[in-house]
Amino acid sequence: MIKIYHNPKCSKSRNALKYLTDKGIEPQIILYLNKEKYTAETLTSLAEKMGLKPSQMVRTQEDLYKNEYKEKNISENQWIKILIENPNLIIRPIIENGNKAIFGNPVENIDKIFD
């Protein structure tokens, strides 16, 4: 089952969802900002599937990041906690397919999880 960690207010997330549905794929939509919040286990698993550290999943252009976290010495475990508390800091969308996950921007990246 393909999953999309989706923010309907985000154009990049909407474009990724449309890309999947245009390919005939009806993913499980996870509305992580309000209904199905991230857990430490989920974030850790997604980072591993992406081959990234949690700190590499952060939207560094966000004011919250710039004002609160930029240039601070933060452990990867601390990043997990920060991202759970502030899911808007996570790069979006994330597309998951079994043991693979990828950022869905640009949308062409999504094809890599089908290899």
PDB file of N, CA and C in Angstrom:
ATOM      1  N   MET A   1       0.841  -1.191   0.000  1.00  0.00           N
ATOM      2  CA  MET A   1       0.000   0.000   0.000  1.00  0.00           C
ATOM      3  C   MET A   1       0.880   1.245   0.000  1.00  0.00           C
ATOM      4  N   ILE A   2       0.639   2.101  -0.933  1.00  0.00           N
ATOM      5  CA  ILE A   2       1.367   3.359  -1.016  1.00  0.00           C
ATOM      6  C   ILE A   2       0.687   4.366  -0.095  1.00  0.00           C
ATOM      7  N   LYS A   3       1.511   5.093   0.644  1.00  0.00           N
ATOM      8  CA  LYS A   3       1.009   6.109   1.562  1.00  0.00           C
ATOM      9  C   LYS A   3       1.565   7.455   1.150  1.00  0.00           C
ATOM     10  N   ILE A   4       0.760   8.484   1.346  1.00  0.00           N
ATOM     11  CA  ILE A   4       1.237   9.850   1.187  1.00  0.00           C
ATOM     12  C   ILE A   4       0.955  10.586   2.487  1.00  0.00           C
ATOM     13  N   TYR A   5       2.002  11.158   3.048  1.00  0.00           N
ATOM     14  CA  TYR A   5       1.868  11.995   4.237  1.00  0.00           C
ATOM     15  C   TYR A   5       1.554  13.381   3.687  1.00  0.00           C
ATOM     16  N   HIS A   6       0.295  13.759   3.803  1.00  0.00           N
ATOM     17  CA  HIS A   6      -0.295  14.816   2.993  1.00  0.00           C
ATOM     18  C   HIS A   6      -0.732  16.019   3.813  1.00  0.00           C
ATOM     19  N   ASN A   7      -0.445  17.188   3.259  1.00  0.00           N
ATOM     20  CA  ASN A   7      -0.960  18.448   3.778  1.00  0.00           C
ATOM     21  C   ASN A   7      -1.783  19.063   2.651  1.00  0.00           C
ATOM     22  N   PRO A   8      -3.109  19.001   2.720  1.00  0.00           N
ATOM     23  CA  PRO A   8      -3.952  19.499   1.633  1.00  0.00           C
ATOM     24  C   PRO A   8      -3.757  20.981   1.317  1.00  0.00           C
ATOM     25  N   LYS A   9      -3.212  21.750   2.260  1.00  0.00           N
ATOM     26  CA  LYS A   9      -2.993  23.181   2.028  1.00  0.00           C
ATOM     27  C   LYS A   9      -1.705  23.448   1.247  1.00  0.00           C
ATOM     28  N   CYS A  10      -0.878  22.423   1.061  1.00  0.00           N
ATOM     29  CA  CYS A  10       0.419  22.569   0.402  1.00  0.00           C
ATOM     30  C   CYS A  10       0.299  22.184  -1.073  1.00  0.00           C
ATOM     31  N   SER A  11       0.684  23.099  -1.964  1.00  0.00           N
ATOM     32  CA  SER A  11       0.587  22.808  -3.396  1.00  0.00           C
ATOM     33  C   SER A  11       1.492  21.649  -3.804  1.00  0.00           C
ATOM     34  N   LYS A  12       2.654  21.514  -3.193  1.00  0.00           N
ATOM     35  CA  LYS A  12       3.550  20.404  -3.518  1.00  0.00           C
ATOM     36  C   LYS A  12       2.916  19.074  -3.129  1.00  0.00           C
ATOM     37  N   SER A  13       2.247  19.064  -2.014  1.00  0.00           N
ATOM     38  CA  SER A  13       1.571  17.852  -1.559  1.00  0.00           C
ATOM     39  C   SER A  13       0.383  17.525  -2.464  1.00  0.00           C
ATOM     40  N   ARG A  14      -0.381  18.532  -2.824  1.00  0.00           N
ATOM     41  CA  ARG A  14      -1.511  18.312  -3.737  1.00  0.00           C
ATOM     42  C   ARG A  14      -1.028  17.807  -5.094  1.00  0.00           C
ATOM     43  N   ASN A  15       0.073  18.377  -5.587  1.00  0.00           N
ATOM     44  CA  ASN A  15       0.623  17.936  -6.873  1.00  0.00           C
ATOM     45  C   ASN A  15       1.072  16.480  -6.809  1.00  0.00           C
ATOM     46  N   ALA A  16       1.674  16.077  -5.705  1.00  0.00           N
ATOM     47  CA  ALA A  16       2.122  14.686  -5.562  1.00  0.00           C
ATOM     48  C   ALA A  16       0.930  13.740  -5.523  1.00  0.00           C
ATOM     49  N   LEU A  17      -0.105  14.113  -4.810  1.00  0.00           N
ATOM     50  CA  LEU A  17      -1.308  13.280  -4.759  1.00  0.00           C
ATOM     51  C   LEU A  17      -1.931  13.153  -6.146  1.00  0.00           C
ATOM     52  N   LYS A  18      -2.005  14.251  -6.875  1.00  0.00           N
ATOM     53  CA  LYS A  18      -2.549  14.219  -8.235  1.00  0.00           C
ATOM     54  C   LYS A  18      -1.670  13.338  -9.131  1.00  0.00           C
ATOM     55  N   TYR A  19      -0.369  13.443  -8.991  1.00  0.00           N
ATOM     56  CA  TYR A  19       0.559  12.630  -9.780  1.00  0.00           C
ATOM     57  C   TYR A  19       0.274  11.147  -9.562  1.00  0.00           C
ATOM     58  N   LEU A  20       0.083  10.772  -8.308  1.00  0.00           N
ATOM     59  CA  LEU A  20      -0.216   9.364  -7.998  1.00  0.00           C
ATOM     60  C   LEU A  20      -1.566   8.952  -8.578  1.00  0.00           C
ATOM     61  N   THR A  21      -2.588   9.756  -8.363  1.00  0.00           N
ATOM     62  CA  THR A  21      -3.915   9.371  -8.846  1.00  0.00           C
ATOM     63  C   THR A  21      -3.976   9.367 -10.373  1.00  0.00           C
ATOM     64  N   ASP A  22      -3.231  10.268 -11.015  1.00  0.00           N
ATOM     65  CA  ASP A  22      -3.167  10.260 -12.483  1.00  0.00           C
ATOM     66  C   ASP A  22      -2.530   8.972 -13.011  1.00  0.00           C
ATOM     67  N   LYS A  23      -1.709   8.332 -12.196  1.00  0.00           N
ATOM     68  CA  LYS A  23      -1.093   7.050 -12.562  1.00  0.00           C
ATOM     69  C   LYS A  23      -1.988   5.870 -12.186  1.00  0.00           C
ATOM     70  N   GLY A  24      -3.181   6.171 -11.683  1.00  0.00           N
ATOM     71  CA  GLY A  24      -4.105   5.114 -11.304  1.00  0.00           C
ATOM     72  C   GLY A  24      -3.857   4.551  -9.916  1.00  0.00           C
ATOM     73  N   ILE A  25      -3.078   5.266  -9.115  1.00  0.00           N
ATOM     74  CA  ILE A  25      -2.748   4.824  -7.761  1.00  0.00           C
ATOM     75  C   ILE A  25      -3.612   5.607  -6.772  1.00  0.00           C
ATOM     76  N   GLU A  26      -4.307   4.877  -5.921  1.00  0.00           N
ATOM     77  CA  GLU A  26      -5.097   5.499  -4.861  1.00  0.00           C
ATOM     78  C   GLU A  26      -4.367   5.255  -3.538  1.00  0.00           C
ATOM     79  N   PRO A  27      -3.507   6.189  -3.149  1.00  0.00           N
ATOM     80  CA  PRO A  27      -2.707   5.972  -1.938  1.00  0.00           C
ATOM     81  C   PRO A  27      -3.529   6.131  -0.664  1.00  0.00           C
ATOM     82  N   GLN A  28      -2.996   5.566   0.396  1.00  0.00           N
ATOM     83  CA  GLN A  28      -3.547   5.848   1.720  1.00  0.00           C
ATOM     84  C   GLN A  28      -3.084   7.255   2.075  1.00  0.00           C
ATOM     85  N   ILE A  29      -4.023   8.138   2.348  1.00  0.00           N
ATOM     86  CA  ILE A  29      -3.704   9.526   2.654  1.00  0.00           C
ATOM     87  C   ILE A  29      -3.612   9.694   4.164  1.00  0.00           C
ATOM     88  N   ILE A  30      -2.457  10.139   4.608  1.00  0.00           N
ATOM     89  CA  ILE A  30      -2.236  10.358   6.036  1.00  0.00           C
ATOM     90  C   ILE A  30      -2.157  11.862   6.275  1.00  0.00           C
ATOM     91  N   LEU A  31      -3.150  12.384   6.960  1.00  0.00           N
ATOM     92  CA  LEU A  31      -3.224  13.808   7.265  1.00  0.00           C
ATOM     93  C   LEU A  31      -2.479  14.061   8.578  1.00  0.00           C
ATOM     94  N   TYR A  32      -1.171  14.186   8.453  1.00  0.00           N
ATOM     95  CA  TYR A  32      -0.279  14.201   9.623  1.00  0.00           C
ATOM     96  C   TYR A  32      -0.353  15.470  10.462  1.00  0.00           C
ATOM     97  N   LEU A  33      -0.933  16.531   9.944  1.00  0.00           N
ATOM     98  CA  LEU A  33      -0.981  17.771  10.723  1.00  0.00           C
ATOM     99  C   LEU A  33      -2.085  17.794  11.761  1.00  0.00           C
ATOM    100  N   ASN A  34      -3.151  17.011  11.523  1.00  0.00           N
ATOM    101  CA  ASN A  34      -4.241  17.090  12.489  1.00  0.00           C
ATOM    102  C   ASN A  34      -4.814  15.743  12.900  1.00  0.00           C
ATOM    103  N   LYS A  35      -4.990  14.816  11.984  1.00  0.00           N
ATOM    104  CA  LYS A  35      -5.669  13.579  12.338  1.00  0.00           C
ATOM    105  C   LYS A  35      -4.723  12.465  12.757  1.00  0.00           C
ATOM    106  N   GLU A  36      -3.729  12.222  11.959  1.00  0.00           N
ATOM    107  CA  GLU A  36      -2.830  11.081  12.193  1.00  0.00           C
ATOM    108  C   GLU A  36      -1.413  11.589  12.419  1.00  0.00           C
ATOM    109  N   LYS A  37      -1.180  12.095  13.582  1.00  0.00           N
ATOM    110  CA  LYS A  37       0.093  12.724  13.895  1.00  0.00           C
ATOM    111  C   LYS A  37       1.246  11.715  13.834  1.00  0.00           C
ATOM    112  N   TYR A  38       2.400  12.231  13.484  1.00  0.00           N
ATOM    113  CA  TYR A  38       3.601  11.401  13.457  1.00  0.00           C
ATOM    114  C   TYR A  38       3.928  10.900  14.862  1.00  0.00           C
ATOM    115  N   THR A  39       4.492   9.715  14.904  1.00  0.00           N
ATOM    116  CA  THR A  39       5.048   9.173  16.145  1.00  0.00           C
ATOM    117  C   THR A  39       6.558   9.082  15.953  1.00  0.00           C
ATOM    118  N   ALA A  40       7.265   8.873  17.043  1.00  0.00           N
ATOM    119  CA  ALA A  40       8.715   8.699  16.958  1.00  0.00           C
ATOM    120  C   ALA A  40       9.047   7.494  16.084  1.00  0.00           C
ATOM    121  N   GLU A  41       8.271   6.431  16.227  1.00  0.00           N
ATOM    122  CA  GLU A  41       8.523   5.220  15.449  1.00  0.00           C
ATOM    123  C   GLU A  41       8.321   5.478  13.955  1.00  0.00           C
ATOM    124  N   THR A  42       7.255   6.180  13.609  1.00  0.00           N
ATOM    125  CA  THR A  42       6.974   6.470  12.206  1.00  0.00           C
ATOM    126  C   THR A  42       8.062   7.342  11.600  1.00  0.00           C
ATOM    127  N   LEU A  43       8.428   8.416  12.283  1.00  0.00           N
ATOM    128  CA  LEU A  43       9.460   9.305  11.752  1.00  0.00           C
ATOM    129  C   LEU A  43      10.799   8.600  11.616  1.00  0.00           C
ATOM    130  N   THR A  44      11.157   7.808  12.612  1.00  0.00           N
ATOM    131  CA  THR A  44      12.416   7.068  12.550  1.00  0.00           C
ATOM    132  C   THR A  44      12.399   6.095  11.382  1.00  0.00           C
ATOM    133  N   SER A  45      11.292   5.398  11.217  1.00  0.00           N
ATOM    134  CA  SER A  45      11.158   4.443  10.123  1.00  0.00           C
ATOM    135  C   SER A  45      11.235   5.141   8.768  1.00  0.00           C
ATOM    136  N   LEU A  46      10.536   6.262   8.609  1.00  0.00           N
ATOM    137  CA  LEU A  46      10.571   6.988   7.343  1.00  0.00           C
ATOM    138  C   LEU A  46      11.980   7.485   7.037  1.00  0.00           C
ATOM    139  N   ALA A  47      12.665   8.009   8.034  1.00  0.00           N
ATOM    140  CA  ALA A  47      14.039   8.475   7.821  1.00  0.00           C
ATOM    141  C   ALA A  47      14.921   7.326   7.344  1.00  0.00           C
ATOM    142  N   GLU A  48      14.784   6.167   7.981  1.00  0.00           N
ATOM    143  CA  GLU A  48      15.578   5.004   7.584  1.00  0.00           C
ATOM    144  C   GLU A  48      15.250   4.579   6.156  1.00  0.00           C
ATOM    145  N   LYS A  49      13.969   4.558   5.818  1.00  0.00           N
ATOM    146  CA  LYS A  49      13.556   4.159   4.470  1.00  0.00           C
ATOM    147  C   LYS A  49      14.053   5.145   3.414  1.00  0.00           C
ATOM    148  N   MET A  50      14.251   6.384   3.816  1.00  0.00           N
ATOM    149  CA  MET A  50      14.735   7.413   2.899  1.00  0.00           C
ATOM    150  C   MET A  50      16.258   7.491   2.886  1.00  0.00           C
ATOM    151  N   GLY A  51      16.888   6.818   3.844  1.00  0.00           N
ATOM    152  CA  GLY A  51      18.337   6.892   3.953  1.00  0.00           C
ATOM    153  C   GLY A  51      18.805   8.242   4.466  1.00  0.00           C
ATOM    154  N   LEU A  52      17.986   8.849   5.327  1.00  0.00           N
ATOM    155  CA  LEU A  52      18.284  10.174   5.850  1.00  0.00           C
ATOM    156  C   LEU A  52      18.328  10.171   7.371  1.00  0.00           C
ATOM    157  N   LYS A  53      18.940  11.208   7.911  1.00  0.00           N
ATOM    158  CA  LYS A  53      18.854  11.476   9.340  1.00  0.00           C
ATOM    159  C   LYS A  53      17.634  12.373   9.545  1.00  0.00           C
ATOM    160  N   PRO A  54      17.013  12.328  10.710  1.00  0.00           N
ATOM    161  CA  PRO A  54      15.868  13.217  10.960  1.00  0.00           C
ATOM    162  C   PRO A  54      16.180  14.691  10.676  1.00  0.00           C
ATOM    163  N   SER A  55      17.385  15.120  10.954  1.00  0.00           N
ATOM    164  CA  SER A  55      17.752  16.521  10.698  1.00  0.00           C
ATOM    165  C   SER A  55      17.709  16.867   9.216  1.00  0.00           C
ATOM    166  N   GLN A  56      17.790  15.861   8.355  1.00  0.00           N
ATOM    167  CA  GLN A  56      17.745  16.089   6.909  1.00  0.00           C
ATOM    168  C   GLN A  56      16.308  16.141   6.380  1.00  0.00           C
ATOM    169  N   MET A  57      15.346  15.983   7.263  1.00  0.00           N
ATOM    170  CA  MET A  57      13.933  16.032   6.890  1.00  0.00           C
ATOM    171  C   MET A  57      13.319  17.396   7.210  1.00  0.00           C
ATOM    172  N   VAL A  58      14.137  18.337   7.642  1.00  0.00           N
ATOM    173  CA  VAL A  58      13.655  19.622   8.146  1.00  0.00           C
ATOM    174  C   VAL A  58      13.553  20.663   7.033  1.00  0.00           C
ATOM    175  N   ARG A  59      12.439  21.370   7.036  1.00  0.00           N
ATOM    176  CA  ARG A  59      12.234  22.509   6.124  1.00  0.00           C
ATOM    177  C   ARG A  59      12.986  23.711   6.697  1.00  0.00           C
ATOM    178  N   THR A  60      14.180  23.918   6.199  1.00  0.00           N
ATOM    179  CA  THR A  60      15.054  24.954   6.760  1.00  0.00           C
ATOM    180  C   THR A  60      14.641  26.368   6.368  1.00  0.00           C
ATOM    181  N   GLN A  61      13.707  26.520   5.458  1.00  0.00           N
ATOM    182  CA  GLN A  61      13.254  27.858   5.074  1.00  0.00           C
ATOM    183  C   GLN A  61      12.162  28.390   5.997  1.00  0.00           C
ATOM    184  N   GLU A  62      11.654  27.542   6.886  1.00  0.00           N
ATOM    185  CA  GLU A  62      10.600  27.965   7.814  1.00  0.00           C
ATOM    186  C   GLU A  62      11.154  28.930   8.871  1.00  0.00           C
ATOM    187  N   ASP A  63      10.359  29.942   9.203  1.00  0.00           N
ATOM    188  CA  ASP A  63      10.766  30.910  10.223  1.00  0.00           C
ATOM    189  C   ASP A  63      11.046  30.228  11.561  1.00  0.00           C
ATOM    190  N   LEU A  64      10.222  29.249  11.924  1.00  0.00           N
ATOM    191  CA  LEU A  64      10.427  28.543  13.183  1.00  0.00           C
ATOM    192  C   LEU A  64      11.819  27.924  13.230  1.00  0.00           C
ATOM    193  N   TYR A  65      12.237  27.306  12.145  1.00  0.00           N
ATOM    194  CA  TYR A  65      13.586  26.726  12.089  1.00  0.00           C
ATOM    195  C   TYR A  65      14.632  27.832  12.231  1.00  0.00           C
ATOM    196  N   LYS A  66      14.495  28.882  11.440  1.00  0.00           N
ATOM    197  CA  LYS A  66      15.486  29.957  11.451  1.00  0.00           C
ATOM    198  C   LYS A  66      15.600  30.624  12.815  1.00  0.00           C
ATOM    199  N   ASN A  67      14.457  30.809  13.483  1.00  0.00           N
ATOM    200  CA  ASN A  67      14.443  31.526  14.760  1.00  0.00           C
ATOM    201  C   ASN A  67      14.782  30.657  15.963  1.00  0.00           C
ATOM    202  N   GLU A  68      14.476  29.360  15.897  1.00  0.00           N
ATOM    203  CA  GLU A  68      14.608  28.509  17.078  1.00  0.00           C
ATOM    204  C   GLU A  68      15.724  27.458  16.996  1.00  0.00           C
ATOM    205  N   TYR A  69      16.028  26.978  15.789  1.00  0.00           N
ATOM    206  CA  TYR A  69      16.877  25.791  15.705  1.00  0.00           C
ATOM    207  C   TYR A  69      18.137  25.934  14.861  1.00  0.00           C
ATOM    208  N   LYS A  70      18.170  26.899  13.980  1.00  0.00           N
ATOM    209  CA  LYS A  70      19.311  27.060  13.088  1.00  0.00           C
ATOM    210  C   LYS A  70      20.598  27.247  13.882  1.00  0.00           C
ATOM    211  N   GLU A  71      21.625  26.527  13.450  1.00  0.00           N
ATOM    212  CA  GLU A  71      22.976  26.619  14.023  1.00  0.00           C
ATOM    213  C   GLU A  71      23.047  26.181  15.488  1.00  0.00           C
ATOM    214  N   LYS A  72      22.059  25.417  15.945  1.00  0.00           N
ATOM    215  CA  LYS A  72      22.120  24.860  17.296  1.00  0.00           C
ATOM    216  C   LYS A  72      22.563  23.411  17.202  1.00  0.00           C
ATOM    217  N   ASN A  73      23.200  22.942  18.234  1.00  0.00           N
ATOM    218  CA  ASN A  73      23.674  21.561  18.278  1.00  0.00           C
ATOM    219  C   ASN A  73      22.530  20.684  18.790  1.00  0.00           C
ATOM    220  N   ILE A  74      21.825  20.057  17.853  1.00  0.00           N
ATOM    221  CA  ILE A  74      20.642  19.270  18.188  1.00  0.00           C
ATOM    222  C   ILE A  74      20.887  17.833  17.752  1.00  0.00           C
ATOM    223  N   SER A  75      20.676  16.896  18.661  1.00  0.00           N
ATOM    224  CA  SER A  75      20.881  15.480  18.327  1.00  0.00           C
ATOM    225  C   SER A  75      19.749  14.990  17.421  1.00  0.00           C
ATOM    226  N   GLU A  76      19.988  13.860  16.771  1.00  0.00           N
ATOM    227  CA  GLU A  76      18.956  13.288  15.901  1.00  0.00           C
ATOM    228  C   GLU A  76      17.723  12.882  16.715  1.00  0.00           C
ATOM    229  N   ASN A  77      17.926  12.365  17.920  1.00  0.00           N
ATOM    230  CA  ASN A  77      16.784  12.024  18.785  1.00  0.00           C
ATOM    231  C   ASN A  77      15.991  13.269  19.167  1.00  0.00           C
ATOM    232  N   GLN A  78      16.690  14.364  19.399  1.00  0.00           N
ATOM    233  CA  GLN A  78      16.001  15.617  19.712  1.00  0.00           C
ATOM    234  C   GLN A  78      15.225  16.111  18.492  1.00  0.00           C
ATOM    235  N   TRP A  79      15.788  15.919  17.289  1.00  0.00           N
ATOM    236  CA  TRP A  79      15.072  16.322  16.077  1.00  0.00           C
ATOM    237  C   TRP A  79      13.758  15.560  15.946  1.00  0.00           C
ATOM    238  N   ILE A  80      13.772  14.277  16.283  1.00  0.00           N
ATOM    239  CA  ILE A  80      12.529  13.500  16.220  1.00  0.00           C
ATOM    240  C   ILE A  80      11.470  14.163  17.097  1.00  0.00           C
ATOM    241  N   LYS A  81      11.835  14.512  18.315  1.00  0.00           N
ATOM    242  CA  LYS A  81      10.887  15.154  19.227  1.00  0.00           C
ATOM    243  C   LYS A  81      10.411  16.503  18.689  1.00  0.00           C
ATOM    244  N   ILE A  82      11.342  17.282  18.149  1.00  0.00           N
ATOM    245  CA  ILE A  82      10.996  18.595  17.593  1.00  0.00           C
ATOM    246  C   ILE A  82      10.027  18.437  16.430  1.00  0.00           C
ATOM    247  N   LEU A  83      10.294  17.467  15.559  1.00  0.00           N
ATOM    248  CA  LEU A  83       9.438  17.271  14.387  1.00  0.00           C
ATOM    249  C   LEU A  83       8.050  16.756  14.768  1.00  0.00           C
ATOM    250  N   ILE A  84       7.972  15.945  15.808  1.00  0.00           N
ATOM    251  CA  ILE A  84       6.660  15.493  16.285  1.00  0.00           C
ATOM    252  C   ILE A  84       5.857  16.687  16.820  1.00  0.00           C
ATOM    253  N   GLU A  85       6.523  17.558  17.543  1.00  0.00           N
ATOM    254  CA  GLU A  85       5.861  18.727  18.106  1.00  0.00           C
ATOM    255  C   GLU A  85       5.555  19.793  17.049  1.00  0.00           C
ATOM    256  N   ASN A  86       6.329  19.797  15.962  1.00  0.00           N
ATOM    257  CA  ASN A  86       6.197  20.811  14.916  1.00  0.00           C
ATOM    258  C   ASN A  86       6.205  20.145  13.539  1.00  0.00           C
ATOM    259  N   PRO A  87       5.164  19.379  13.207  1.00  0.00           N
ATOM    260  CA  PRO A  87       5.183  18.625  11.954  1.00  0.00           C
ATOM    261  C   PRO A  87       5.246  19.507  10.703  1.00  0.00           C
ATOM    262  N   ASN A  88       4.922  20.788  10.850  1.00  0.00           N
ATOM    263  CA  ASN A  88       5.043  21.698   9.716  1.00  0.00           C
ATOM    264  C   ASN A  88       6.501  21.920   9.318  1.00  0.00           C
ATOM    265  N   LEU A  89       7.440  21.485  10.156  1.00  0.00           N
ATOM    266  CA  LEU A  89       8.861  21.600   9.833  1.00  0.00           C
ATOM    267  C   LEU A  89       9.360  20.456   8.944  1.00  0.00           C
ATOM    268  N   ILE A  90       8.527  19.452   8.716  1.00  0.00           N
ATOM    269  CA  ILE A  90       8.957  18.294   7.933  1.00  0.00           C
ATOM    270  C   ILE A  90       8.755  18.588   6.446  1.00  0.00           C
ATOM    271  N   ILE A  91       9.781  18.309   5.662  1.00  0.00           N
ATOM    272  CA  ILE A  91       9.672  18.465   4.207  1.00  0.00           C
ATOM    273  C   ILE A  91       8.507  17.607   3.732  1.00  0.00           C
ATOM    274  N   ARG A  92       7.718  18.159   2.820  1.00  0.00           N
ATOM    275  CA  ARG A  92       6.546  17.441   2.347  1.00  0.00           C
ATOM    276  C   ARG A  92       6.441  17.496   0.839  1.00  0.00           C
ATOM    277  N   PRO A  93       5.679  16.580   0.337  1.00  0.00           N
ATOM    278  CA  PRO A  93       5.085  15.413   0.983  1.00  0.00           C
ATOM    279  C   PRO A  93       6.075  14.259   1.031  1.00  0.00           C
ATOM    280  N   ILE A  94       5.794  13.307   1.882  1.00  0.00           N
ATOM    281  CA  ILE A  94       6.559  12.059   1.920  1.00  0.00           C
ATOM    282  C   ILE A  94       5.661  10.975   1.343  1.00  0.00           C
ATOM    283  N   ILE A  95       6.223  10.213   0.420  1.00  0.00           N
ATOM    284  CA  ILE A  95       5.519   9.093  -0.186  1.00  0.00           C
ATOM    285  C   ILE A  95       6.225   7.823   0.279  1.00  0.00           C
ATOM    286  N   GLU A  96       5.453   6.847   0.744  1.00  0.00           N
ATOM    287  CA  GLU A  96       6.011   5.592   1.274  1.00  0.00           C
ATOM    288  C   GLU A  96       5.432   4.417   0.501  1.00  0.00           C
ATOM    289  N   ASN A  97       6.297   3.510   0.133  1.00  0.00           N
ATOM    290  CA  ASN A  97       5.886   2.282  -0.554  1.00  0.00           C
ATOM    291  C   ASN A  97       6.709   1.135   0.021  1.00  0.00           C
ATOM    292  N   GLY A  98       6.109   0.386   0.952  1.00  0.00           N
ATOM    293  CA  GLY A  98       6.817  -0.745   1.554  1.00  0.00           C
ATOM    294  C   GLY A  98       8.060  -0.300   2.303  1.00  0.00           C
ATOM    295  N   ASN A  99       9.223  -0.763   1.834  1.00  0.00           N
ATOM    296  CA  ASN A  99      10.470  -0.430   2.529  1.00  0.00           C
ATOM    297  C   ASN A  99      11.180   0.767   1.911  1.00  0.00           C
ATOM    298  N   LYS A 100      10.467   1.541   1.091  1.00  0.00           N
ATOM    299  CA  LYS A 100      11.034   2.742   0.481  1.00  0.00           C
ATOM    300  C   LYS A 100      10.168   3.945   0.808  1.00  0.00           C
ATOM    301  N   ALA A 101      10.815   5.094   0.907  1.00  0.00           N
ATOM    302  CA  ALA A 101      10.097   6.359   1.085  1.00  0.00           C
ATOM    303  C   ALA A 101      10.914   7.446   0.410  1.00  0.00           C
ATOM    304  N   ILE A 102      10.223   8.493  -0.004  1.00  0.00           N
ATOM    305  CA  ILE A 102      10.889   9.573  -0.729  1.00  0.00           C
ATOM    306  C   ILE A 102      10.082  10.855  -0.570  1.00  0.00           C
ATOM    307  N   PHE A 103      10.764  11.977  -0.716  1.00  0.00           N
ATOM    308  CA  PHE A 103      10.047  13.246  -0.782  1.00  0.00           C
ATOM    309  C   PHE A 103       9.410  13.342  -2.160  1.00  0.00           C
ATOM    310  N   GLY A 104       8.164  13.753  -2.205  1.00  0.00           N
ATOM    311  CA  GLY A 104       7.427  13.824  -3.459  1.00  0.00           C
ATOM    312  C   GLY A 104       7.552  15.143  -4.184  1.00  0.00           C
ATOM    313  N   ASN A 105       8.662  15.816  -4.025  1.00  0.00           N
ATOM    314  CA  ASN A 105       8.900  17.062  -4.731  1.00  0.00           C
ATOM    315  C   ASN A 105      10.342  17.091  -5.203  1.00  0.00           C
ATOM    316  N   PRO A 106      10.566  17.182  -6.512  1.00  0.00           N
ATOM    317  CA  PRO A 106       9.571  17.250  -7.566  1.00  0.00           C
ATOM    318  C   PRO A 106       8.817  15.923  -7.710  1.00  0.00           C
ATOM    319  N   VAL A 107       7.661  15.974  -8.326  1.00  0.00           N
ATOM    320  CA  VAL A 107       6.803  14.788  -8.390  1.00  0.00           C
ATOM    321  C   VAL A 107       7.483  13.611  -9.090  1.00  0.00           C
ATOM    322  N   GLU A 108       8.400  13.886  -9.989  1.00  0.00           N
ATOM    323  CA  GLU A 108       9.100  12.807 -10.688  1.00  0.00           C
ATOM    324  C   GLU A 108       9.894  11.925  -9.736  1.00  0.00           C
ATOM    325  N   ASN A 109      10.249  12.457  -8.570  1.00  0.00           N
ATOM    326  CA  ASN A 109      10.936  11.646  -7.548  1.00  0.00           C
ATOM    327  C   ASN A 109      10.112  10.424  -7.156  1.00  0.00           C
ATOM    328  N   ILE A 110       8.799  10.559  -7.212  1.00  0.00           N
ATOM    329  CA  ILE A 110       7.903   9.494  -6.754  1.00  0.00           C
ATOM    330  C   ILE A 110       8.166   8.197  -7.503  1.00  0.00           C
ATOM    331  N   ASP A 111       8.524   8.315  -8.771  1.00  0.00           N
ATOM    332  CA  ASP A 111       8.765   7.107  -9.575  1.00  0.00           C
ATOM    333  C   ASP A 111       9.871   6.229  -8.992  1.00  0.00           C
ATOM    334  N   LYS A 112      10.777   6.814  -8.218  1.00  0.00           N
ATOM    335  CA  LYS A 112      11.894   6.051  -7.646  1.00  0.00           C
ATOM    336  C   LYS A 112      11.436   5.015  -6.627  1.00  0.00           C
ATOM    337  N   ILE A 113      10.273   5.183  -6.041  1.00  0.00           N
ATOM    338  CA  ILE A 113       9.831   4.188  -5.051  1.00  0.00           C
ATOM    339  C   ILE A 113       9.182   2.982  -5.684  1.00  0.00           C
ATOM    340  N   PHE A 114       9.066   2.989  -7.001  1.00  0.00           N
ATOM    341  CA  PHE A 114       8.500   1.849  -7.706  1.00  0.00           C
ATOM    342  C   PHE A 114       9.570   0.937  -8.284  1.00  0.00           C
ATOM    343  N   ASP A 115      10.847   1.347  -8.197  1.00  0.00           N
ATOM    344  CA  ASP A 115      11.943   0.535  -8.744  1.00  0.00           C
ATOM    345  C   ASP A 115      12.134  -0.746  -7.978  1.00  0.00           C
TER     346      ASP A 115
END
